[in-house]
Amino acid sequence: MMRIFRRIILLLATLLIFLLVWAAFISGDCKYEKSVSINAPVEKVWQNTNTLNAMDQWSPWNDLDPGMKKDWTGTNGQPGEKVCWDSKNKNAGKGCQELKKVDEAGKRIDTEIKFLTPYESEANAYVVLVPEGNGTKATWGFTSEIPYPFTLIKLFVNMENAIGKDYQKGLSRLKALSEKPQ
């Protein structure tokens, strides 16, 4: 009986070592983005993306808890503008998003997101607008770093399946908002 137990322990230890070595060779870099073509000029779309408050109008994550508590600080549209949210819905959780950079000329906004619950993590998000014919191509994305040994999760999680629908919903709302006649 003891011999079987030792073999099981040895097998599990070997498997663990194998997984840890494998994880060391997987990059922790994580990037996801999605784009949409909008039948509206860049300047009009920019009005819906150039502040955290404007972006909140089309955020798909508001659907998780329409009553979540939000605390806004800083100057609207300026670096330092910040929104912190707190929800009893574990899918919405708790965290903060801070505007880090606004590039008026390049029509790009960069933010930093810190999730506190349901698990701690950080990401850098962005929205970039580029003229496309008479309209605009809007690209919404994020970058993050997955710490070792959790890099193994990249083998099992498909980002498109995990958040693609949320990004599509948000971009569809941005499109509808931007194409709405004034």
C-alpha atoms as a PDB file:
ATOM      1  CA  MET A   1       0.000   0.000   0.000  1.00  0.00           C
ATOM      2  CA  MET A   2       2.819   2.402   0.892  1.00  0.00           C
ATOM      3  CA  ARG A   3       4.501   1.638  -2.406  1.00  0.00           C
ATOM      4  CA  ILE A   4       1.381   2.662  -4.373  1.00  0.00           C
ATOM      5  CA  PHE A   5       1.091   5.841  -2.320  1.00  0.00           C
ATOM      6  CA  ARG A   6       4.744   6.748  -3.097  1.00  0.00           C
ATOM      7  CA  ARG A   7       4.196   6.148  -6.796  1.00  0.00           C
ATOM      8  CA  ILE A   8       1.141   8.371  -6.816  1.00  0.00           C
ATOM      9  CA  ILE A   9       3.071  11.113  -4.980  1.00  0.00           C
ATOM     10  CA  LEU A  10       6.002  10.750  -7.399  1.00  0.00           C
ATOM     11  CA  LEU A  11       3.669  10.888 -10.395  1.00  0.00           C
ATOM     12  CA  LEU A  12       1.919  14.016  -9.059  1.00  0.00           C
ATOM     13  CA  ALA A  13       5.253  15.698  -8.251  1.00  0.00           C
ATOM     14  CA  THR A  14       6.537  14.920 -11.768  1.00  0.00           C
ATOM     15  CA  LEU A  15       3.358  16.316 -13.294  1.00  0.00           C
ATOM     16  CA  LEU A  16       3.618  19.476 -11.187  1.00  0.00           C
ATOM     17  CA  ILE A  17       7.270  20.000 -12.151  1.00  0.00           C
ATOM     18  CA  PHE A  18       6.390  19.448 -15.820  1.00  0.00           C
ATOM     19  CA  LEU A  19       3.592  22.051 -15.633  1.00  0.00           C
ATOM     20  CA  LEU A  20       5.811  24.584 -13.864  1.00  0.00           C
ATOM     21  CA  VAL A  21       8.554  24.181 -16.461  1.00  0.00           C
ATOM     22  CA  TRP A  22       6.013  24.438 -19.282  1.00  0.00           C
ATOM     23  CA  ALA A  23       4.557  27.616 -17.740  1.00  0.00           C
ATOM     24  CA  ALA A  24       8.027  29.190 -17.739  1.00  0.00           C
ATOM     25  CA  PHE A  25       8.053  29.040 -21.541  1.00  0.00           C
ATOM     26  CA  ILE A  26       4.650  30.690 -22.003  1.00  0.00           C
ATOM     27  CA  SER A  27       4.687  34.461 -22.335  1.00  0.00           C
ATOM     28  CA  GLY A  28       2.678  36.350 -19.758  1.00  0.00           C
ATOM     29  CA  ASP A  29       1.795  39.059 -22.271  1.00  0.00           C
ATOM     30  CA  CYS A  30      -1.922  39.247 -22.907  1.00  0.00           C
ATOM     31  CA  LYS A  31      -3.556  41.456 -25.537  1.00  0.00           C
ATOM     32  CA  TYR A  32      -7.072  41.584 -26.917  1.00  0.00           C
ATOM     33  CA  GLU A  33      -8.773  44.054 -29.204  1.00  0.00           C
ATOM     34  CA  LYS A  34     -11.825  44.341 -31.359  1.00  0.00           C
ATOM     35  CA  SER A  35     -12.805  46.917 -34.002  1.00  0.00           C
ATOM     36  CA  VAL A  36     -15.960  48.272 -35.588  1.00  0.00           C
ATOM     37  CA  SER A  37     -16.635  50.532 -38.560  1.00  0.00           C
ATOM     38  CA  ILE A  38     -18.837  53.483 -37.661  1.00  0.00           C
ATOM     39  CA  ASN A  39     -20.701  55.594 -40.195  1.00  0.00           C
ATOM     40  CA  ALA A  40     -19.862  58.864 -38.465  1.00  0.00           C
ATOM     41  CA  PRO A  41     -16.902  61.253 -38.608  1.00  0.00           C
ATOM     42  CA  VAL A  42     -14.012  60.744 -36.204  1.00  0.00           C
ATOM     43  CA  GLU A  43     -14.830  63.944 -34.284  1.00  0.00           C
ATOM     44  CA  LYS A  44     -18.352  62.720 -33.491  1.00  0.00           C
ATOM     45  CA  VAL A  45     -17.137  59.292 -32.362  1.00  0.00           C
ATOM     46  CA  TRP A  46     -14.379  60.978 -30.323  1.00  0.00           C
ATOM     47  CA  GLN A  47     -17.054  62.755 -28.247  1.00  0.00           C
ATOM     48  CA  ASN A  48     -18.229  59.280 -27.138  1.00  0.00           C
ATOM     49  CA  THR A  49     -14.764  57.968 -26.261  1.00  0.00           C
ATOM     50  CA  ASN A  50     -12.634  60.857 -24.984  1.00  0.00           C
ATOM     51  CA  THR A  51     -13.601  60.615 -21.288  1.00  0.00           C
ATOM     52  CA  LEU A  52     -14.375  57.825 -18.844  1.00  0.00           C
ATOM     53  CA  ASN A  53     -17.828  59.323 -18.408  1.00  0.00           C
ATOM     54  CA  ALA A  54     -18.461  59.170 -22.171  1.00  0.00           C
ATOM     55  CA  MET A  55     -17.193  55.588 -22.345  1.00  0.00           C
ATOM     56  CA  ASP A  56     -19.490  54.638 -19.471  1.00  0.00           C
ATOM     57  CA  GLN A  57     -22.483  55.406 -21.703  1.00  0.00           C
ATOM     58  CA  TRP A  58     -21.731  52.386 -23.923  1.00  0.00           C
ATOM     59  CA  SER A  59     -19.975  50.068 -21.474  1.00  0.00           C
ATOM     60  CA  PRO A  60     -21.386  46.533 -21.655  1.00  0.00           C
ATOM     61  CA  TRP A  61     -20.376  45.873 -18.059  1.00  0.00           C
ATOM     62  CA  ASN A  62     -23.009  48.258 -16.715  1.00  0.00           C
ATOM     63  CA  ASP A  63     -25.514  45.509 -17.598  1.00  0.00           C
ATOM     64  CA  LEU A  64     -24.001  43.259 -14.914  1.00  0.00           C
ATOM     65  CA  ASP A  65     -25.379  45.518 -12.197  1.00  0.00           C
ATOM     66  CA  PRO A  66     -27.283  48.642 -13.289  1.00  0.00           C
ATOM     67  CA  GLY A  67     -27.374  49.710  -9.628  1.00  0.00           C
ATOM     68  CA  MET A  68     -23.661  49.393  -8.907  1.00  0.00           C
ATOM     69  CA  LYS A  69     -22.171  52.191  -6.845  1.00  0.00           C
ATOM     70  CA  LYS A  70     -19.810  54.458  -8.811  1.00  0.00           C
ATOM     71  CA  ASP A  71     -17.562  57.181  -7.456  1.00  0.00           C
ATOM     72  CA  TRP A  72     -16.183  59.696  -9.984  1.00  0.00           C
ATOM     73  CA  THR A  73     -13.157  61.883  -9.215  1.00  0.00           C
ATOM     74  CA  GLY A  74     -10.820  64.125 -11.183  1.00  0.00           C
ATOM     75  CA  THR A  75     -11.428  66.392 -14.147  1.00  0.00           C
ATOM     76  CA  ASN A  76     -13.556  64.943 -16.932  1.00  0.00           C
ATOM     77  CA  GLY A  77     -11.374  64.055 -19.938  1.00  0.00           C
ATOM     78  CA  GLN A  78      -8.075  64.805 -18.208  1.00  0.00           C
ATOM     79  CA  PRO A  79      -5.404  62.410 -16.937  1.00  0.00           C
ATOM     80  CA  GLY A  80      -6.364  61.529 -13.384  1.00  0.00           C
ATOM     81  CA  GLU A  81     -10.089  61.261 -14.134  1.00  0.00           C
ATOM     82  CA  LYS A  82     -11.117  58.151 -12.235  1.00  0.00           C
ATOM     83  CA  VAL A  83     -14.173  56.017 -11.649  1.00  0.00           C
ATOM     84  CA  CYS A  84     -14.310  53.388  -8.927  1.00  0.00           C
ATOM     85  CA  TRP A  85     -17.155  50.899  -8.825  1.00  0.00           C
ATOM     86  CA  ASP A  86     -18.462  48.525  -6.209  1.00  0.00           C
ATOM     87  CA  SER A  87     -21.081  45.895  -6.899  1.00  0.00           C
ATOM     88  CA  LYS A  88     -22.678  43.138  -4.904  1.00  0.00           C
ATOM     89  CA  ASN A  89     -22.744  41.158  -8.163  1.00  0.00           C
ATOM     90  CA  LYS A  90     -19.537  39.104  -8.076  1.00  0.00           C
ATOM     91  CA  ASN A  91     -19.229  39.293 -11.889  1.00  0.00           C
ATOM     92  CA  ALA A  92     -19.046  43.098 -11.738  1.00  0.00           C
ATOM     93  CA  GLY A  93     -16.937  43.089  -8.587  1.00  0.00           C
ATOM     94  CA  LYS A  94     -15.013  46.085  -7.359  1.00  0.00           C
ATOM     95  CA  GLY A  95     -12.274  48.165  -8.935  1.00  0.00           C
ATOM     96  CA  CYS A  96     -11.137  51.453 -10.445  1.00  0.00           C
ATOM     97  CA  GLN A  97     -10.379  52.781 -13.900  1.00  0.00           C
ATOM     98  CA  GLU A  98      -8.162  55.838 -14.313  1.00  0.00           C
ATOM     99  CA  LEU A  99      -7.583  57.917 -17.415  1.00  0.00           C
ATOM    100  CA  LYS A 100      -3.844  57.957 -18.057  1.00  0.00           C
ATOM    101  CA  LYS A 101      -3.464  59.670 -21.435  1.00  0.00           C
ATOM    102  CA  VAL A 102      -5.645  61.519 -23.936  1.00  0.00           C
ATOM    103  CA  ASP A 103      -4.187  62.085 -27.403  1.00  0.00           C
ATOM    104  CA  GLU A 104      -6.535  64.575 -29.099  1.00  0.00           C
ATOM    105  CA  ALA A 105      -4.530  64.616 -32.345  1.00  0.00           C
ATOM    106  CA  GLY A 106      -4.200  60.834 -32.561  1.00  0.00           C
ATOM    107  CA  LYS A 107      -7.715  60.245 -31.234  1.00  0.00           C
ATOM    108  CA  ARG A 108      -6.558  57.768 -28.615  1.00  0.00           C
ATOM    109  CA  ILE A 109      -7.437  57.377 -24.959  1.00  0.00           C
ATOM    110  CA  ASP A 110      -5.458  55.152 -22.564  1.00  0.00           C
ATOM    111  CA  THR A 111      -6.673  53.985 -19.171  1.00  0.00           C
ATOM    112  CA  GLU A 112      -5.476  51.785 -16.332  1.00  0.00           C
ATOM    113  CA  ILE A 113      -7.916  49.349 -14.764  1.00  0.00           C
ATOM    114  CA  LYS A 114      -7.415  47.773 -11.345  1.00  0.00           C
ATOM    115  CA  PHE A 115      -9.779  44.971 -10.422  1.00  0.00           C
ATOM    116  CA  LEU A 116      -9.971  44.332  -6.691  1.00  0.00           C
ATOM    117  CA  THR A 117     -12.677  41.639  -6.647  1.00  0.00           C
ATOM    118  CA  PRO A 118     -13.570  38.946  -7.542  1.00  0.00           C
ATOM    119  CA  TYR A 119      -9.770  38.674  -8.018  1.00  0.00           C
ATOM    120  CA  GLU A 120      -6.957  41.204  -8.117  1.00  0.00           C
ATOM    121  CA  SER A 121      -5.544  42.086 -11.517  1.00  0.00           C
ATOM    122  CA  GLU A 122      -4.527  45.046 -13.635  1.00  0.00           C
ATOM    123  CA  ALA A 123      -4.894  45.924 -17.291  1.00  0.00           C
ATOM    124  CA  ASN A 124      -4.198  48.864 -19.573  1.00  0.00           C
ATOM    125  CA  ALA A 125      -7.122  49.625 -21.860  1.00  0.00           C
ATOM    126  CA  TYR A 126      -7.370  51.867 -24.898  1.00  0.00           C
ATOM    127  CA  VAL A 127      -9.670  53.145 -27.609  1.00  0.00           C
ATOM    128  CA  VAL A 128      -8.191  54.305 -30.913  1.00  0.00           C
ATOM    129  CA  LEU A 129     -10.136  56.069 -33.670  1.00  0.00           C
ATOM    130  CA  VAL A 130      -8.922  56.171 -37.265  1.00  0.00           C
ATOM    131  CA  PRO A 131     -10.641  57.794 -40.258  1.00  0.00           C
ATOM    132  CA  GLU A 132     -12.070  55.165 -42.614  1.00  0.00           C
ATOM    133  CA  GLY A 133     -13.558  56.670 -45.774  1.00  0.00           C
ATOM    134  CA  ASN A 134     -16.348  58.990 -44.588  1.00  0.00           C
ATOM    135  CA  GLY A 135     -16.554  57.146 -41.285  1.00  0.00           C
ATOM    136  CA  THR A 136     -14.409  55.898 -38.441  1.00  0.00           C
ATOM    137  CA  LYS A 137     -12.752  52.657 -37.439  1.00  0.00           C
ATOM    138  CA  ALA A 138     -12.909  52.331 -33.654  1.00  0.00           C
ATOM    139  CA  THR A 139     -10.587  49.826 -31.976  1.00  0.00           C
ATOM    140  CA  TRP A 140     -11.088  48.952 -28.315  1.00  0.00           C
ATOM    141  CA  GLY A 141      -8.568  46.767 -26.536  1.00  0.00           C
ATOM    142  CA  PHE A 142      -6.429  46.014 -23.538  1.00  0.00           C
ATOM    143  CA  THR A 143      -3.038  44.658 -22.571  1.00  0.00           C
ATOM    144  CA  SER A 144      -2.133  42.852 -19.385  1.00  0.00           C
ATOM    145  CA  GLU A 145       0.566  40.669 -17.876  1.00  0.00           C
ATOM    146  CA  ILE A 146      -0.302  37.237 -16.524  1.00  0.00           C
ATOM    147  CA  PRO A 147       2.095  36.278 -13.715  1.00  0.00           C
ATOM    148  CA  TYR A 148       4.008  32.999 -13.692  1.00  0.00           C
ATOM    149  CA  PRO A 149       2.857  30.213 -13.254  1.00  0.00           C
ATOM    150  CA  PHE A 150      -0.673  31.357 -14.166  1.00  0.00           C
ATOM    151  CA  THR A 151       0.538  31.768 -17.752  1.00  0.00           C
ATOM    152  CA  LEU A 152      -0.729  28.208 -18.234  1.00  0.00           C
ATOM    153  CA  ILE A 153      -4.245  29.631 -18.327  1.00  0.00           C
ATOM    154  CA  LYS A 154      -3.479  30.928 -21.832  1.00  0.00           C
ATOM    155  CA  LEU A 155      -3.568  27.315 -23.029  1.00  0.00           C
ATOM    156  CA  PHE A 156      -7.124  26.847 -21.845  1.00  0.00           C
ATOM    157  CA  VAL A 157      -8.819  30.262 -22.188  1.00  0.00           C
ATOM    158  CA  ASN A 158      -9.897  31.630 -25.548  1.00  0.00           C
ATOM    159  CA  MET A 159     -10.125  35.420 -25.168  1.00  0.00           C
ATOM    160  CA  GLU A 160     -12.696  35.705 -27.953  1.00  0.00           C
ATOM    161  CA  ASN A 161     -14.965  33.261 -26.122  1.00  0.00           C
ATOM    162  CA  ALA A 162     -14.238  34.854 -22.742  1.00  0.00           C
ATOM    163  CA  ILE A 163     -14.849  38.547 -23.545  1.00  0.00           C
ATOM    164  CA  GLY A 164     -15.521  38.852 -27.278  1.00  0.00           C
ATOM    165  CA  LYS A 165     -19.296  39.178 -26.826  1.00  0.00           C
ATOM    166  CA  ASP A 166     -18.843  41.951 -24.254  1.00  0.00           C
ATOM    167  CA  TYR A 167     -16.502  43.892 -26.526  1.00  0.00           C
ATOM    168  CA  GLN A 168     -18.862  43.405 -29.478  1.00  0.00           C
ATOM    169  CA  LYS A 169     -21.815  44.634 -27.403  1.00  0.00           C
ATOM    170  CA  GLY A 170     -19.876  47.717 -26.274  1.00  0.00           C
ATOM    171  CA  LEU A 171     -18.682  48.554 -29.784  1.00  0.00           C
ATOM    172  CA  SER A 172     -22.214  48.054 -31.169  1.00  0.00           C
ATOM    173  CA  ARG A 173     -23.494  50.522 -28.579  1.00  0.00           C
ATOM    174  CA  LEU A 174     -20.707  52.981 -29.455  1.00  0.00           C
ATOM    175  CA  LYS A 175     -21.648  52.636 -33.118  1.00  0.00           C
ATOM    176  CA  ALA A 176     -25.378  53.238 -32.456  1.00  0.00           C
ATOM    177  CA  LEU A 177     -24.633  56.200 -30.177  1.00  0.00           C
ATOM    178  CA  SER A 178     -22.228  57.753 -32.694  1.00  0.00           C
ATOM    179  CA  GLU A 179     -24.481  57.204 -35.718  1.00  0.00           C
ATOM    180  CA  LYS A 180     -27.539  58.654 -33.973  1.00  0.00           C
ATOM    181  CA  PRO A 181     -28.639  61.917 -35.658  1.00  0.00           C
ATOM    182  CA  GLN A 182     -28.109  64.944 -33.449  1.00  0.00           C
END
